[in-house]
Structure formats: C-alpha cells, structure tokens
Amino acid sequence: MISLSLPAFMMGGPVRIGLGILLIAVGIRSLVKHHLNGWKVDPTASHAPQLREG
C-alpha cells in the first residue's frame, strides 16, 4: 500500500502544478481574446461597465 501510494503522491505534485499552469494560461488567453474581440466588435459593449463596477 505504501509503496503504491508514494509514487502516486510524488507524481501528483508535478501533475497538479502542470494542470494549474495550463488552466491559468488558458484563462488568461480566453480573457485577453474576449477583451480584444469585445473592443474590436463594439467598444461600448454592455459588459465593459459591469466589469468596471464588479
């Protein structure tokens, strides 16, 4: 049991860090893409004031 759980625990760290970096990168990318598309299509979009207020 211990010999099986230790490798899984050791591998869990890098995997979680990698997934976290991927999620953060995808999130930033989608936010930037959303903002760029919003400004290109409609600078006075309704979501702009909501983001400022929130």
Protein backbone atom coordinates (compact mmCIF):
# COMPACT_ATOMS: atom_id res chain seq x y z
CA MET A 1 0.00 0.00 0.00
CA ILE A 2 2.71 2.47 1.00
CA SER A 3 4.94 1.61 -1.97
CA LEU A 4 1.98 2.23 -4.29
CA SER A 5 0.81 5.46 -2.66
CA LEU A 6 4.24 7.15 -2.53
CA PRO A 7 4.84 7.21 -6.33
CA ALA A 8 1.28 8.38 -6.89
CA PHE A 9 1.78 11.16 -4.33
CA MET A 10 5.12 12.17 -5.85
CA MET A 11 3.57 12.28 -9.33
CA GLY A 12 0.54 14.20 -8.07
CA GLY A 13 2.61 17.32 -7.37
CA PRO A 14 4.03 17.94 -10.87
CA VAL A 15 0.74 16.91 -12.48
CA ARG A 16 -1.26 19.35 -10.35
CA ILE A 17 1.26 22.14 -10.98
CA GLY A 18 1.18 21.44 -14.72
CA LEU A 19 -2.62 21.42 -14.81
CA GLY A 20 -2.70 24.64 -12.78
CA ILE A 21 -0.31 26.38 -15.18
CA LEU A 22 -2.37 25.16 -18.15
CA LEU A 23 -5.62 26.37 -16.57
CA ILE A 24 -4.13 29.78 -15.75
CA ALA A 25 -2.66 30.12 -19.26
CA VAL A 26 -5.97 29.15 -20.89
CA GLY A 27 -7.87 31.52 -18.61
CA ILE A 28 -5.60 34.50 -19.37
CA ARG A 29 -5.69 33.66 -23.07
CA SER A 30 -9.50 33.49 -23.14
CA LEU A 31 -9.80 36.74 -21.16
CA VAL A 32 -7.41 38.58 -23.49
CA LYS A 33 -9.17 37.14 -26.52
CA HIS A 34 -12.58 38.14 -25.12
CA HIS A 35 -11.45 41.71 -24.39
CA LEU A 36 -9.78 42.13 -27.78
CA ASN A 37 -12.83 40.78 -29.61
CA GLY A 38 -15.14 42.94 -27.49
CA TRP A 39 -13.20 46.14 -28.23
CA LYS A 40 -12.86 45.31 -31.93
CA VAL A 41 -16.55 44.49 -32.39
CA ASP A 42 -18.16 47.01 -30.01
CA PRO A 43 -16.10 49.40 -27.81
CA THR A 44 -19.28 50.35 -25.90
CA ALA A 45 -20.24 46.77 -25.07
CA SER A 46 -22.62 46.27 -22.16
CA HIS A 47 -20.13 44.02 -20.30
CA ALA A 48 -17.50 46.79 -20.02
CA PRO A 49 -19.32 48.81 -17.31
CA GLN A 50 -20.22 45.60 -15.48
CA LEU A 51 -16.55 44.61 -15.26
CA ARG A 52 -15.61 48.09 -14.01
CA GLU A 53 -18.33 48.06 -11.35
CA GLY A 54 -17.58 44.50 -10.29
